[in-house]
Amino acid sequence: MIQKDKLPIDLIGYGSNWCSISHELAREIVCSENLIFKIFNKGFLVDELFIPTLINIRGKSKFPIYYEKPVHNISDEFQGNLRYINWWDGSPKTWRISDFD
C-alpha cells in the first residue's frame, strides 16, 4: 500500500487534534506506532493528520468517524469536535462533578 515512502493522496485525512476516540482506535494507534512514524516523522504540524489518515488506511468501517472533511466555524454545520476547555488560568481545568451546573 505504501510504496517508496509515498502515501496516496486519497488516504490522507484531516481532523481536529482535540478529539475523543474509542478504546479500539487508541489501541490501533499504539499498535501502529511504526507505520505512523514512517509516514509522518518528516512532517511538520501533523497532529491533525495522523489519526484520520490511520483511519483511512485501516478502513473507515472499522473506526466510526463523525465527519470526513474539515469543519469550519459555520453556525449551521455539524461541530462534532467542539470542546469546552477553560484555558484562562494557563492550563486546562480538570472538570469535576461539582462543575456540572
PDB file of N, CA and C in Angstrom:
ATOM      1  N   MET A   1       0.825  -1.202   0.000  1.00  0.00           N
ATOM      2  CA  MET A   1       0.000   0.000   0.000  1.00  0.00           C
ATOM      3  C   MET A   1       0.865   1.260   0.000  1.00  0.00           C
ATOM      4  N   ILE A   2       1.879   1.306   0.846  1.00  0.00           N
ATOM      5  CA  ILE A   2       2.756   2.472   0.888  1.00  0.00           C
ATOM      6  C   ILE A   2       4.046   2.098   0.170  1.00  0.00           C
ATOM      7  N   GLN A   3       4.244   2.671  -1.006  1.00  0.00           N
ATOM      8  CA  GLN A   3       5.426   2.364  -1.793  1.00  0.00           C
ATOM      9  C   GLN A   3       6.332   3.575  -1.843  1.00  0.00           C
ATOM     10  N   LYS A   4       7.628   3.313  -1.743  1.00  0.00           N
ATOM     11  CA  LYS A   4       8.624   4.366  -1.853  1.00  0.00           C
ATOM     12  C   LYS A   4       8.340   5.525  -0.896  1.00  0.00           C
ATOM     13  N   ASP A   5       7.861   5.198   0.305  1.00  0.00           N
ATOM     14  CA  ASP A   5       7.576   6.211   1.329  1.00  0.00           C
ATOM     15  C   ASP A   5       6.572   7.264   0.874  1.00  0.00           C
ATOM     16  N   LYS A   6       5.711   6.903  -0.052  1.00  0.00           N
ATOM     17  CA  LYS A   6       4.671   7.829  -0.532  1.00  0.00           C
ATOM     18  C   LYS A   6       3.312   7.239  -0.172  1.00  0.00           C
ATOM     19  N   LEU A   7       2.420   8.088   0.248  1.00  0.00           N
ATOM     20  CA  LEU A   7       1.067   7.677   0.594  1.00  0.00           C
ATOM     21  C   LEU A   7       0.118   8.255  -0.447  1.00  0.00           C
ATOM     22  N   PRO A   8      -0.779   7.448  -1.009  1.00  0.00           N
ATOM     23  CA  PRO A   8      -1.727   8.003  -1.984  1.00  0.00           C
ATOM     24  C   PRO A   8      -2.515   9.159  -1.376  1.00  0.00           C
ATOM     25  N   ILE A   9      -2.680  10.205  -2.139  1.00  0.00           N
ATOM     26  CA  ILE A   9      -3.314  11.443  -1.651  1.00  0.00           C
ATOM     27  C   ILE A   9      -4.724  11.191  -1.113  1.00  0.00           C
ATOM     28  N   ASP A  10      -5.440  10.233  -1.672  1.00  0.00           N
ATOM     29  CA  ASP A  10      -6.812   9.994  -1.215  1.00  0.00           C
ATOM     30  C   ASP A  10      -6.878   9.332   0.157  1.00  0.00           C
ATOM     31  N   LEU A  11      -5.763   8.866   0.681  1.00  0.00           N
ATOM     32  CA  LEU A  11      -5.744   8.289   2.030  1.00  0.00           C
ATOM     33  C   LEU A  11      -5.398   9.305   3.105  1.00  0.00           C
ATOM     34  N   ILE A  12      -4.905  10.454   2.709  1.00  0.00           N
ATOM     35  CA  ILE A  12      -4.541  11.467   3.696  1.00  0.00           C
ATOM     36  C   ILE A  12      -5.810  12.112   4.244  1.00  0.00           C
ATOM     37  N   GLY A  13      -5.967  12.063   5.551  1.00  0.00           N
ATOM     38  CA  GLY A  13      -7.150  12.613   6.198  1.00  0.00           C
ATOM     39  C   GLY A  13      -6.812  13.845   7.020  1.00  0.00           C
ATOM     40  N   TYR A  14      -7.851  14.536   7.461  1.00  0.00           N
ATOM     41  CA  TYR A  14      -7.688  15.752   8.254  1.00  0.00           C
ATOM     42  C   TYR A  14      -8.767  15.773   9.322  1.00  0.00           C
ATOM     43  N   GLY A  15      -8.420  16.187  10.510  1.00  0.00           N
ATOM     44  CA  GLY A  15      -9.390  16.320  11.584  1.00  0.00           C
ATOM     45  C   GLY A  15      -8.788  17.116  12.723  1.00  0.00           C
ATOM     46  N   SER A  16      -9.593  17.414  13.703  1.00  0.00           N
ATOM     47  CA  SER A  16      -9.118  18.186  14.840  1.00  0.00           C
ATOM     48  C   SER A  16      -8.127  17.373  15.654  1.00  0.00           C
ATOM     49  N   ASN A  17      -7.117  18.041  16.185  1.00  0.00           N
ATOM     50  CA  ASN A  17      -6.198  17.360  17.086  1.00  0.00           C
ATOM     51  C   ASN A  17      -6.806  17.234  18.486  1.00  0.00           C
ATOM     52  N   TRP A  18      -7.869  17.945  18.771  1.00  0.00           N
ATOM     53  CA  TRP A  18      -8.616  17.794  20.027  1.00  0.00           C
ATOM     54  C   TRP A  18      -9.818  16.925  19.701  1.00  0.00           C
ATOM     55  N   CYS A  19      -9.753  15.663  20.066  1.00  0.00           N
ATOM     56  CA  CYS A  19     -10.836  14.758  19.694  1.00  0.00           C
ATOM     57  C   CYS A  19     -10.987  13.668  20.749  1.00  0.00           C
ATOM     58  N   SER A  20     -12.106  13.012  20.684  1.00  0.00           N
ATOM     59  CA  SER A  20     -12.355  11.849  21.526  1.00  0.00           C
ATOM     60  C   SER A  20     -12.313  10.626  20.619  1.00  0.00           C
ATOM     61  N   ILE A  21     -11.644   9.569  21.071  1.00  0.00           N
ATOM     62  CA  ILE A  21     -11.537   8.355  20.267  1.00  0.00           C
ATOM     63  C   ILE A  21     -11.945   7.160  21.111  1.00  0.00           C
ATOM     64  N   SER A  22     -12.293   6.096  20.430  1.00  0.00           N
ATOM     65  CA  SER A  22     -12.679   4.872  21.120  1.00  0.00           C
ATOM     66  C   SER A  22     -11.439   4.149  21.648  1.00  0.00           C
ATOM     67  N   HIS A  23     -11.681   3.229  22.558  1.00  0.00           N
ATOM     68  CA  HIS A  23     -10.598   2.405  23.093  1.00  0.00           C
ATOM     69  C   HIS A  23      -9.940   1.602  21.967  1.00  0.00           C
ATOM     70  N   GLU A  24     -10.768   1.097  21.049  1.00  0.00           N
ATOM     71  CA  GLU A  24     -10.246   0.308  19.923  1.00  0.00           C
ATOM     72  C   GLU A  24      -9.319   1.145  19.046  1.00  0.00           C
ATOM     73  N   LEU A  25      -9.695   2.402  18.788  1.00  0.00           N
ATOM     74  CA  LEU A  25      -8.839   3.256  17.978  1.00  0.00           C
ATOM     75  C   LEU A  25      -7.555   3.609  18.725  1.00  0.00           C
ATOM     76  N   ALA A  26      -7.653   3.826  20.023  1.00  0.00           N
ATOM     77  CA  ALA A  26      -6.443   4.101  20.814  1.00  0.00           C
ATOM     78  C   ALA A  26      -5.476   2.921  20.730  1.00  0.00           C
ATOM     79  N   ARG A  27      -5.997   1.703  20.823  1.00  0.00           N
ATOM     80  CA  ARG A  27      -5.149   0.512  20.697  1.00  0.00           C
ATOM     81  C   ARG A  27      -4.520   0.429  19.317  1.00  0.00           C
ATOM     82  N   GLU A  28      -5.299   0.761  18.285  1.00  0.00           N
ATOM     83  CA  GLU A  28      -4.789   0.720  16.915  1.00  0.00           C
ATOM     84  C   GLU A  28      -3.666   1.736  16.724  1.00  0.00           C
ATOM     85  N   ILE A  29      -3.816   2.916  17.300  1.00  0.00           N
ATOM     86  CA  ILE A  29      -2.777   3.948  17.204  1.00  0.00           C
ATOM     87  C   ILE A  29      -1.483   3.459  17.851  1.00  0.00           C
ATOM     88  N   VAL A  30      -1.596   2.893  19.051  1.00  0.00           N
ATOM     89  CA  VAL A  30      -0.410   2.400  19.744  1.00  0.00           C
ATOM     90  C   VAL A  30       0.246   1.262  18.956  1.00  0.00           C
ATOM     91  N   CYS A  31      -0.557   0.362  18.420  1.00  0.00           N
ATOM     92  CA  CYS A  31      -0.012  -0.763  17.652  1.00  0.00           C
ATOM     93  C   CYS A  31       0.554  -0.325  16.302  1.00  0.00           C
ATOM     94  N   SER A  32       0.183   0.845  15.833  1.00  0.00           N
ATOM     95  CA  SER A  32       0.629   1.345  14.526  1.00  0.00           C
ATOM     96  C   SER A  32       1.749   2.369  14.652  1.00  0.00           C
ATOM     97  N   GLU A  33       2.429   2.378  15.778  1.00  0.00           N
ATOM     98  CA  GLU A  33       3.467   3.378  16.025  1.00  0.00           C
ATOM     99  C   GLU A  33       4.500   3.424  14.896  1.00  0.00           C
ATOM    100  N   ASN A  34       4.971   2.282  14.432  1.00  0.00           N
ATOM    101  CA  ASN A  34       5.994   2.266  13.379  1.00  0.00           C
ATOM    102  C   ASN A  34       5.466   2.824  12.068  1.00  0.00           C
ATOM    103  N   LEU A  35       4.236   2.478  11.704  1.00  0.00           N
ATOM    104  CA  LEU A  35       3.636   2.993  10.480  1.00  0.00           C
ATOM    105  C   LEU A  35       3.445   4.506  10.563  1.00  0.00           C
ATOM    106  N   ILE A  36       2.938   4.981  11.681  1.00  0.00           N
ATOM    107  CA  ILE A  36       2.731   6.422  11.878  1.00  0.00           C
ATOM    108  C   ILE A  36       4.067   7.154  11.793  1.00  0.00           C
ATOM    109  N   PHE A  37       5.089   6.594  12.413  1.00  0.00           N
ATOM    110  CA  PHE A  37       6.414   7.215  12.349  1.00  0.00           C
ATOM    111  C   PHE A  37       6.923   7.260  10.914  1.00  0.00           C
ATOM    112  N   LYS A  38       6.767   6.157  10.199  1.00  0.00           N
ATOM    113  CA  LYS A  38       7.243   6.091   8.807  1.00  0.00           C
ATOM    114  C   LYS A  38       6.590   7.158   7.937  1.00  0.00           C
ATOM    115  N   ILE A  39       5.301   7.375   8.125  1.00  0.00           N
ATOM    116  CA  ILE A  39       4.573   8.325   7.286  1.00  0.00           C
ATOM    117  C   ILE A  39       4.834   9.770   7.710  1.00  0.00           C
ATOM    118  N   PHE A  40       4.859  10.031   9.009  1.00  0.00           N
ATOM    119  CA  PHE A  40       4.807  11.415   9.496  1.00  0.00           C
ATOM    120  C   PHE A  40       6.084  11.934  10.151  1.00  0.00           C
ATOM    121  N   ASN A  41       7.147  11.146  10.245  1.00  0.00           N
ATOM    122  CA  ASN A  41       8.318  11.600  11.006  1.00  0.00           C
ATOM    123  C   ASN A  41       9.018  12.804  10.386  1.00  0.00           C
ATOM    124  N   LYS A  42       8.831  13.056   9.116  1.00  0.00           N
ATOM    125  CA  LYS A  42       9.465  14.214   8.482  1.00  0.00           C
ATOM    126  C   LYS A  42       8.476  15.360   8.280  1.00  0.00           C
ATOM    127  N   GLY A  43       7.276  15.189   8.786  1.00  0.00           N
ATOM    128  CA  GLY A  43       6.243  16.212   8.623  1.00  0.00           C
ATOM    129  C   GLY A  43       6.347  17.305   9.664  1.00  0.00           C
ATOM    130  N   PHE A  44       5.555  18.332   9.461  1.00  0.00           N
ATOM    131  CA  PHE A  44       5.504  19.470  10.370  1.00  0.00           C
ATOM    132  C   PHE A  44       4.051  19.718  10.719  1.00  0.00           C
ATOM    133  N   LEU A  45       3.734  19.789  12.003  1.00  0.00           N
ATOM    134  CA  LEU A  45       2.363  20.018  12.475  1.00  0.00           C
ATOM    135  C   LEU A  45       1.404  18.951  11.947  1.00  0.00           C
ATOM    136  N   VAL A  46       1.756  17.691  12.126  1.00  0.00           N
ATOM    137  CA  VAL A  46       0.956  16.596  11.588  1.00  0.00           C
ATOM    138  C   VAL A  46      -0.070  16.053  12.589  1.00  0.00           C
ATOM    139  N   ASP A  47      -0.238  16.745  13.710  1.00  0.00           N
ATOM    140  CA  ASP A  47      -1.158  16.251  14.736  1.00  0.00           C
ATOM    141  C   ASP A  47      -2.606  16.208  14.260  1.00  0.00           C
ATOM    142  N   GLU A  48      -2.970  16.976  13.241  1.00  0.00           N
ATOM    143  CA  GLU A  48      -4.336  16.951  12.716  1.00  0.00           C
ATOM    144  C   GLU A  48      -4.474  15.975  11.544  1.00  0.00           C
ATOM    145  N   LEU A  49      -3.421  15.294  11.194  1.00  0.00           N
ATOM    146  CA  LEU A  49      -3.439  14.384  10.047  1.00  0.00           C
ATOM    147  C   LEU A  49      -3.320  12.915  10.420  1.00  0.00           C
ATOM    148  N   PHE A  50      -2.539  12.580  11.453  1.00  0.00           N
ATOM    149  CA  PHE A  50      -2.183  11.186  11.627  1.00  0.00           C
ATOM    150  C   PHE A  50      -3.348  10.287  12.034  1.00  0.00           C
ATOM    151  N   ILE A  51      -4.268  10.733  12.871  1.00  0.00           N
ATOM    152  CA  ILE A  51      -5.391   9.871  13.260  1.00  0.00           C
ATOM    153  C   ILE A  51      -6.359   9.668  12.086  1.00  0.00           C
ATOM    154  N   PRO A  52      -6.846  10.730  11.419  1.00  0.00           N
ATOM    155  CA  PRO A  52      -7.732  10.498  10.277  1.00  0.00           C
ATOM    156  C   PRO A  52      -7.070   9.695   9.147  1.00  0.00           C
ATOM    157  N   THR A  53      -5.774   9.895   8.943  1.00  0.00           N
ATOM    158  CA  THR A  53      -5.076   9.127   7.907  1.00  0.00           C
ATOM    159  C   THR A  53      -4.988   7.661   8.302  1.00  0.00           C
ATOM    160  N   LEU A  54      -4.699   7.370   9.553  1.00  0.00           N
ATOM    161  CA  LEU A  54      -4.671   5.982  10.012  1.00  0.00           C
ATOM    162  C   LEU A  54      -6.047   5.337   9.847  1.00  0.00           C
ATOM    163  N   ILE A  55      -7.105   6.072  10.151  1.00  0.00           N
ATOM    164  CA  ILE A  55      -8.458   5.555   9.948  1.00  0.00           C
ATOM    165  C   ILE A  55      -8.680   5.226   8.477  1.00  0.00           C
ATOM    166  N   ASN A  56      -8.233   6.104   7.580  1.00  0.00           N
ATOM    167  CA  ASN A  56      -8.393   5.848   6.149  1.00  0.00           C
ATOM    168  C   ASN A  56      -7.602   4.625   5.700  1.00  0.00           C
ATOM    169  N   ILE A  57      -6.408   4.450   6.229  1.00  0.00           N
ATOM    170  CA  ILE A  57      -5.575   3.302   5.859  1.00  0.00           C
ATOM    171  C   ILE A  57      -6.192   2.004   6.362  1.00  0.00           C
ATOM    172  N   ARG A  58      -6.646   2.004   7.597  1.00  0.00           N
ATOM    173  CA  ARG A  58      -7.179   0.776   8.214  1.00  0.00           C
ATOM    174  C   ARG A  58      -8.614   0.467   7.793  1.00  0.00           C
ATOM    175  N   GLY A  59      -9.338   1.463   7.328  1.00  0.00           N
ATOM    176  CA  GLY A  59     -10.715   1.252   6.896  1.00  0.00           C
ATOM    177  C   GLY A  59     -11.695   2.016   7.753  1.00  0.00           C
ATOM    178  N   LYS A  60     -12.456   2.887   7.107  1.00  0.00           N
ATOM    179  CA  LYS A  60     -13.403   3.728   7.848  1.00  0.00           C
ATOM    180  C   LYS A  60     -14.471   2.917   8.560  1.00  0.00           C
ATOM    181  N   SER A  61     -14.826   1.759   8.011  1.00  0.00           N
ATOM    182  CA  SER A  61     -15.875   0.962   8.641  1.00  0.00           C
ATOM    183  C   SER A  61     -15.421   0.375   9.974  1.00  0.00           C
ATOM    184  N   LYS A  62     -14.120   0.240  10.166  1.00  0.00           N
ATOM    185  CA  LYS A  62     -13.593  -0.316  11.412  1.00  0.00           C
ATOM    186  C   LYS A  62     -13.645   0.693  12.557  1.00  0.00           C
ATOM    187  N   PHE A  63     -13.478   1.973  12.221  1.00  0.00           N
ATOM    188  CA  PHE A  63     -13.455   3.034  13.227  1.00  0.00           C
ATOM    189  C   PHE A  63     -14.415   4.131  12.800  1.00  0.00           C
ATOM    190  N   PRO A  64     -15.577   4.264  13.464  1.00  0.00           N
ATOM    191  CA  PRO A  64     -16.532   5.312  13.068  1.00  0.00           C
ATOM    192  C   PRO A  64     -15.941   6.708  13.230  1.00  0.00           C
ATOM    193  N   ILE A  65     -16.230   7.563  12.284  1.00  0.00           N
ATOM    194  CA  ILE A  65     -15.807   8.952  12.360  1.00  0.00           C
ATOM    195  C   ILE A  65     -17.043   9.815  12.176  1.00  0.00           C
ATOM    196  N   TYR A  66     -16.981  11.036  12.653  1.00  0.00           N
ATOM    197  CA  TYR A  66     -18.159  11.884  12.659  1.00  0.00           C
ATOM    198  C   TYR A  66     -18.226  12.838  11.480  1.00  0.00           C
ATOM    199  N   TYR A  67     -17.131  13.127  10.852  1.00  0.00           N
ATOM    200  CA  TYR A  67     -17.133  13.956   9.657  1.00  0.00           C
ATOM    201  C   TYR A  67     -15.919  13.597   8.827  1.00  0.00           C
ATOM    202  N   GLU A  68     -16.031  13.801   7.534  1.00  0.00           N
ATOM    203  CA  GLU A  68     -14.955  13.406   6.641  1.00  0.00           C
ATOM    204  C   GLU A  68     -14.248  14.588   6.001  1.00  0.00           C
ATOM    205  N   LYS A  69     -14.590  15.780   6.376  1.00  0.00           N
ATOM    206  CA  LYS A  69     -13.935  16.956   5.822  1.00  0.00           C
ATOM    207  C   LYS A  69     -13.720  17.956   6.950  1.00  0.00           C
ATOM    208  N   PRO A  70     -12.841  18.910   6.764  1.00  0.00           N
ATOM    209  CA  PRO A  70     -12.628  19.904   7.820  1.00  0.00           C
ATOM    210  C   PRO A  70     -13.924  20.637   8.159  1.00  0.00           C
ATOM    211  N   VAL A  71     -14.132  20.895   9.428  1.00  0.00           N
ATOM    212  CA  VAL A  71     -15.312  21.632   9.876  1.00  0.00           C
ATOM    213  C   VAL A  71     -14.858  23.024  10.290  1.00  0.00           C
ATOM    214  N   HIS A  72     -15.465  24.017   9.703  1.00  0.00           N
ATOM    215  CA  HIS A  72     -15.099  25.391   9.990  1.00  0.00           C
ATOM    216  C   HIS A  72     -16.162  26.026  10.872  1.00  0.00           C
ATOM    217  N   ASN A  73     -15.913  27.160  11.381  1.00  0.00           N
ATOM    218  CA  ASN A  73     -16.827  27.823  12.299  1.00  0.00           C
ATOM    219  C   ASN A  73     -18.015  28.418  11.540  1.00  0.00           C
ATOM    220  N   ILE A  74     -18.866  27.530  11.053  1.00  0.00           N
ATOM    221  CA  ILE A  74     -20.070  27.927  10.331  1.00  0.00           C
ATOM    222  C   ILE A  74     -21.245  27.440  11.165  1.00  0.00           C
ATOM    223  N   SER A  75     -22.142  28.332  11.524  1.00  0.00           N
ATOM    224  CA  SER A  75     -23.168  28.029  12.525  1.00  0.00           C
ATOM    225  C   SER A  75     -24.077  26.863  12.145  1.00  0.00           C
ATOM    226  N   ASP A  76     -24.350  26.634  10.863  1.00  0.00           N
ATOM    227  CA  ASP A  76     -25.274  25.566  10.512  1.00  0.00           C
ATOM    228  C   ASP A  76     -24.562  24.259  10.135  1.00  0.00           C
ATOM    229  N   GLU A  77     -23.252  24.166  10.324  1.00  0.00           N
ATOM    230  CA  GLU A  77     -22.528  22.926  10.073  1.00  0.00           C
ATOM    231  C   GLU A  77     -22.362  22.152  11.373  1.00  0.00           C
ATOM    232  N   PHE A  78     -22.266  20.845  11.251  1.00  0.00           N
ATOM    233  CA  PHE A  78     -22.037  19.995  12.417  1.00  0.00           C
ATOM    234  C   PHE A  78     -20.702  20.351  13.053  1.00  0.00           C
ATOM    235  N   GLN A  79     -20.697  20.569  14.331  1.00  0.00           N
ATOM    236  CA  GLN A  79     -19.491  20.951  15.064  1.00  0.00           C
ATOM    237  C   GLN A  79     -19.106  19.830  16.018  1.00  0.00           C
ATOM    238  N   GLY A  80     -18.878  18.650  15.482  1.00  0.00           N
ATOM    239  CA  GLY A  80     -18.668  17.455  16.278  1.00  0.00           C
ATOM    240  C   GLY A  80     -17.412  17.424  17.110  1.00  0.00           C
ATOM    241  N   ASN A  81     -16.482  18.333  16.878  1.00  0.00           N
ATOM    242  CA  ASN A  81     -15.261  18.273  17.655  1.00  0.00           C
ATOM    243  C   ASN A  81     -15.123  19.434  18.627  1.00  0.00           C
ATOM    244  N   LEU A  82     -16.206  20.102  18.919  1.00  0.00           N
ATOM    245  CA  LEU A  82     -16.128  21.213  19.869  1.00  0.00           C
ATOM    246  C   LEU A  82     -15.935  20.695  21.291  1.00  0.00           C
ATOM    247  N   ARG A  83     -15.127  21.371  22.033  1.00  0.00           N
ATOM    248  CA  ARG A  83     -14.902  21.055  23.436  1.00  0.00           C
ATOM    249  C   ARG A  83     -14.934  22.360  24.219  1.00  0.00           C
ATOM    250  N   TYR A  84     -15.457  22.305  25.421  1.00  0.00           N
ATOM    251  CA  TYR A  84     -15.424  23.476  26.290  1.00  0.00           C
ATOM    252  C   TYR A  84     -14.224  23.301  27.209  1.00  0.00           C
ATOM    253  N   ILE A  85     -13.177  24.042  26.950  1.00  0.00           N
ATOM    254  CA  ILE A  85     -11.939  23.912  27.703  1.00  0.00           C
ATOM    255  C   ILE A  85     -11.589  25.275  28.282  1.00  0.00           C
ATOM    256  N   ASN A  86     -11.432  25.329  29.573  1.00  0.00           N
ATOM    257  CA  ASN A  86     -11.076  26.568  30.260  1.00  0.00           C
ATOM    258  C   ASN A  86      -9.555  26.691  30.281  1.00  0.00           C
ATOM    259  N   TRP A  87      -9.017  27.605  29.465  1.00  0.00           N
ATOM    260  CA  TRP A  87      -7.579  27.854  29.415  1.00  0.00           C
ATOM    261  C   TRP A  87      -7.206  29.135  30.162  1.00  0.00           C
ATOM    262  N   TRP A  88      -8.142  29.807  30.773  1.00  0.00           N
ATOM    263  CA  TRP A  88      -7.895  31.137  31.326  1.00  0.00           C
ATOM    264  C   TRP A  88      -6.867  31.164  32.434  1.00  0.00           C
ATOM    265  N   ASP A  89      -6.680  30.076  33.134  1.00  0.00           N
ATOM    266  CA  ASP A  89      -5.722  30.047  34.234  1.00  0.00           C
ATOM    267  C   ASP A  89      -4.348  29.538  33.801  1.00  0.00           C
ATOM    268  N   GLY A  90      -4.144  29.376  32.490  1.00  0.00           N
ATOM    269  CA  GLY A  90      -2.847  28.953  31.985  1.00  0.00           C
ATOM    270  C   GLY A  90      -2.744  27.485  31.633  1.00  0.00           C
ATOM    271  N   SER A  91      -3.646  26.667  32.148  1.00  0.00           N
ATOM    272  CA  SER A  91      -3.681  25.250  31.777  1.00  0.00           C
ATOM    273  C   SER A  91      -5.140  24.802  31.816  1.00  0.00           C
ATOM    274  N   PRO A  92      -5.459  23.723  31.098  1.00  0.00           N
ATOM    275  CA  PRO A  92      -6.859  23.294  31.071  1.00  0.00           C
ATOM    276  C   PRO A  92      -7.374  22.919  32.456  1.00  0.00           C
ATOM    277  N   LYS A  93      -8.586  23.341  32.749  1.00  0.00           N
ATOM    278  CA  LYS A  93      -9.223  22.994  34.029  1.00  0.00           C
ATOM    279  C   LYS A  93      -9.625  21.526  34.017  1.00  0.00           C
ATOM    280  N   THR A  94      -9.409  20.845  35.113  1.00  0.00           N
ATOM    281  CA  THR A  94      -9.922  19.490  35.290  1.00  0.00           C
ATOM    282  C   THR A  94     -11.334  19.623  35.834  1.00  0.00           C
ATOM    283  N   TRP A  95     -12.309  19.282  35.021  1.00  0.00           N
ATOM    284  CA  TRP A  95     -13.714  19.444  35.424  1.00  0.00           C
ATOM    285  C   TRP A  95     -14.092  18.389  36.446  1.00  0.00           C
ATOM    286  N   ARG A  96     -14.884  18.790  37.396  1.00  0.00           N
ATOM    287  CA  ARG A  96     -15.372  17.921  38.474  1.00  0.00           C
ATOM    288  C   ARG A  96     -16.890  17.856  38.384  1.00  0.00           C
ATOM    289  N   ILE A  97     -17.472  16.877  39.012  1.00  0.00           N
ATOM    290  CA  ILE A  97     -18.922  16.738  39.014  1.00  0.00           C
ATOM    291  C   ILE A  97     -19.583  17.969  39.609  1.00  0.00           C
ATOM    292  N   SER A  98     -18.928  18.654  40.532  1.00  0.00           N
ATOM    293  CA  SER A  98     -19.479  19.868  41.136  1.00  0.00           C
ATOM    294  C   SER A  98     -19.577  21.022  40.128  1.00  0.00           C
ATOM    295  N   ASP A  99     -18.885  20.926  39.001  1.00  0.00           N
ATOM    296  CA  ASP A  99     -18.944  21.964  37.944  1.00  0.00           C
ATOM    297  C   ASP A  99     -20.123  21.768  37.001  1.00  0.00           C
ATOM    298  N   PHE A 100     -20.859  20.689  37.123  1.00  0.00           N
ATOM    299  CA  PHE A 100     -21.890  20.338  36.163  1.00  0.00           C
ATOM    300  C   PHE A 100     -22.907  21.445  35.955  1.00  0.00           C
ATOM    301  N   ASP A 101     -23.407  22.036  37.026  1.00  0.00           N
ATOM    302  CA  ASP A 101     -24.427  23.090  36.884  1.00  0.00           C
ATOM    303  C   ASP A 101     -23.874  24.311  36.179  1.00  0.00           C
TER     304      ASP A 101
END
